[in-house]
Amino acid sequence: MNIFASHSSGVLNLGANGTSDRMTINSTGVGLNRTPTGSLDIHATDGLNLRFYNDANTFRAGLELATTNGDMIGTSEVNDFVSFAR
């Protein structure tokens, strides 16, 4: 895997394998697949989630914007904001 980093005017961009920027850090915040406009901005068509694992690498909690019915929990529908904890 080739990893690249570039910076200019106080902005750090990170990517891999010749892809476009995957992470941008600027004075506003951190953006994943986008330029941040808030503290943390995430842009994707699937897998819009934040997951938490314990020391045993077991999934314990998460937040997700459902892009498919049944994401995170079985009863979620597309565009639901879902939280889950064990």
C-alpha atoms as a PDB file:
ATOM      1  CA  MET A   1       0.000   0.000   0.000  1.00  0.00           C
ATOM      2  CA  ASN A   2       1.289   3.449  -0.884  1.00  0.00           C
ATOM      3  CA  ILE A   3       0.314   6.177   1.557  1.00  0.00           C
ATOM      4  CA  PHE A   4       0.668   9.838   0.709  1.00  0.00           C
ATOM      5  CA  ALA A   5       0.357  13.027   2.669  1.00  0.00           C
ATOM      6  CA  SER A   6       0.308  16.548   1.332  1.00  0.00           C
ATOM      7  CA  HIS A   7      -0.067  19.890   3.014  1.00  0.00           C
ATOM      8  CA  SER A   8      -0.492  23.501   2.075  1.00  0.00           C
ATOM      9  CA  SER A   9      -1.840  26.588   3.821  1.00  0.00           C
ATOM     10  CA  GLY A  10      -2.404  24.742   7.106  1.00  0.00           C
ATOM     11  CA  VAL A  11      -4.328  21.836   5.536  1.00  0.00           C
ATOM     12  CA  LEU A  12      -3.170  18.193   5.774  1.00  0.00           C
ATOM     13  CA  ASN A  13      -4.520  15.664   3.240  1.00  0.00           C
ATOM     14  CA  LEU A  14      -4.036  11.884   3.532  1.00  0.00           C
ATOM     15  CA  GLY A  15      -4.780   9.123   1.017  1.00  0.00           C
ATOM     16  CA  ALA A  16      -3.610   5.700  -0.165  1.00  0.00           C
ATOM     17  CA  ASN A  17      -2.841   3.830  -3.395  1.00  0.00           C
ATOM     18  CA  GLY A  18      -3.273   6.810  -5.682  1.00  0.00           C
ATOM     19  CA  THR A  19      -6.804   7.576  -4.480  1.00  0.00           C
ATOM     20  CA  SER A  20      -8.079  11.045  -3.854  1.00  0.00           C
ATOM     21  CA  ASP A  21      -7.800  12.482  -0.358  1.00  0.00           C
ATOM     22  CA  ARG A  22      -9.449  10.212   2.229  1.00  0.00           C
ATOM     23  CA  MET A  23      -8.840  12.432   5.250  1.00  0.00           C
ATOM     24  CA  THR A  24      -8.495  16.197   5.415  1.00  0.00           C
ATOM     25  CA  ILE A  25      -7.499  18.072   8.549  1.00  0.00           C
ATOM     26  CA  ASN A  26      -7.811  21.847   8.619  1.00  0.00           C
ATOM     27  CA  SER A  27      -8.512  24.583  11.150  1.00  0.00           C
ATOM     28  CA  THR A  28     -12.241  23.647  11.130  1.00  0.00           C
ATOM     29  CA  GLY A  29     -11.879  19.955  11.989  1.00  0.00           C
ATOM     30  CA  VAL A  30     -11.422  16.517  10.438  1.00  0.00           C
ATOM     31  CA  GLY A  31     -13.153  15.355   7.249  1.00  0.00           C
ATOM     32  CA  LEU A  32     -13.374  11.752   6.049  1.00  0.00           C
ATOM     33  CA  ASN A  33     -13.813  11.714   2.262  1.00  0.00           C
ATOM     34  CA  ARG A  34     -14.653  15.436   2.313  1.00  0.00           C
ATOM     35  CA  THR A  35     -13.408  18.860   3.391  1.00  0.00           C
ATOM     36  CA  PRO A  36     -14.594  19.417   6.966  1.00  0.00           C
ATOM     37  CA  THR A  37     -17.192  22.065   7.738  1.00  0.00           C
ATOM     38  CA  GLY A  38     -17.645  20.959  11.366  1.00  0.00           C
ATOM     39  CA  SER A  39     -15.633  19.121  14.005  1.00  0.00           C
ATOM     40  CA  LEU A  40     -15.957  15.773  12.162  1.00  0.00           C
ATOM     41  CA  ASP A  41     -17.632  15.353   8.769  1.00  0.00           C
ATOM     42  CA  ILE A  42     -18.054  11.922   7.135  1.00  0.00           C
ATOM     43  CA  HIS A  43     -19.153  11.463   3.528  1.00  0.00           C
ATOM     44  CA  ALA A  44     -19.790   8.060   1.980  1.00  0.00           C
ATOM     45  CA  THR A  45     -22.514   6.105   0.205  1.00  0.00           C
ATOM     46  CA  ASP A  46     -22.312   3.159   2.633  1.00  0.00           C
ATOM     47  CA  GLY A  47     -20.737   2.327   5.978  1.00  0.00           C
ATOM     48  CA  LEU A  48     -21.618   5.672   7.585  1.00  0.00           C
ATOM     49  CA  ASN A  49     -20.894   4.486  11.106  1.00  0.00           C
ATOM     50  CA  LEU A  50     -18.806   4.969  14.192  1.00  0.00           C
ATOM     51  CA  ARG A  51     -18.173   1.700  16.049  1.00  0.00           C
ATOM     52  CA  PHE A  52     -16.659   1.026  19.452  1.00  0.00           C
ATOM     53  CA  TYR A  53     -14.824  -2.201  20.411  1.00  0.00           C
ATOM     54  CA  ASN A  54     -13.524  -3.354  23.813  1.00  0.00           C
ATOM     55  CA  ASP A  55     -10.066  -4.773  24.586  1.00  0.00           C
ATOM     56  CA  ALA A  56     -11.210  -8.214  23.419  1.00  0.00           C
ATOM     57  CA  ASN A  57     -12.021  -6.693  19.990  1.00  0.00           C
ATOM     58  CA  THR A  58     -15.748  -7.284  20.578  1.00  0.00           C
ATOM     59  CA  PHE A  59     -18.223  -4.780  19.126  1.00  0.00           C
ATOM     60  CA  ARG A  60     -19.914  -3.007  22.051  1.00  0.00           C
ATOM     61  CA  ALA A  61     -21.654   0.130  20.725  1.00  0.00           C
ATOM     62  CA  GLY A  62     -22.141   2.222  17.622  1.00  0.00           C
ATOM     63  CA  LEU A  63     -23.842   5.015  15.745  1.00  0.00           C
ATOM     64  CA  GLU A  64     -24.886   4.701  12.108  1.00  0.00           C
ATOM     65  CA  LEU A  65     -26.860   6.441   9.399  1.00  0.00           C
ATOM     66  CA  ALA A  66     -28.626   3.507   7.744  1.00  0.00           C
ATOM     67  CA  THR A  67     -28.037   3.271   3.988  1.00  0.00           C
ATOM     68  CA  THR A  68     -29.761  -0.117   3.746  1.00  0.00           C
ATOM     69  CA  ASN A  69     -32.732  -1.498   5.681  1.00  0.00           C
ATOM     70  CA  GLY A  70     -31.410  -3.466   8.655  1.00  0.00           C
ATOM     71  CA  ASP A  71     -28.120  -1.569   9.113  1.00  0.00           C
ATOM     72  CA  MET A  72     -26.843  -1.704  12.742  1.00  0.00           C
ATOM     73  CA  ILE A  73     -30.171  -3.141  13.999  1.00  0.00           C
ATOM     74  CA  GLY A  74     -32.667  -5.337  12.164  1.00  0.00           C
ATOM     75  CA  THR A  75     -35.561  -2.848  12.213  1.00  0.00           C
ATOM     76  CA  SER A  76     -33.714   0.208  10.862  1.00  0.00           C
ATOM     77  CA  GLU A  77     -34.760   1.747   7.558  1.00  0.00           C
ATOM     78  CA  VAL A  78     -32.784   3.815   5.047  1.00  0.00           C
ATOM     79  CA  ASN A  79     -31.862   7.262   6.481  1.00  0.00           C
ATOM     80  CA  ASP A  80     -32.613   6.246  10.101  1.00  0.00           C
ATOM     81  CA  PHE A  81     -29.980   7.425  12.605  1.00  0.00           C
ATOM     82  CA  VAL A  82     -29.321   4.343  14.722  1.00  0.00           C
ATOM     83  CA  SER A  83     -27.588   3.926  18.074  1.00  0.00           C
ATOM     84  CA  PHE A  84     -26.778   0.559  19.571  1.00  0.00           C
ATOM     85  CA  ALA A  85     -25.101  -0.558  22.792  1.00  0.00           C
ATOM     86  CA  ARG A  86     -24.556  -3.926  24.478  1.00  0.00           C
END
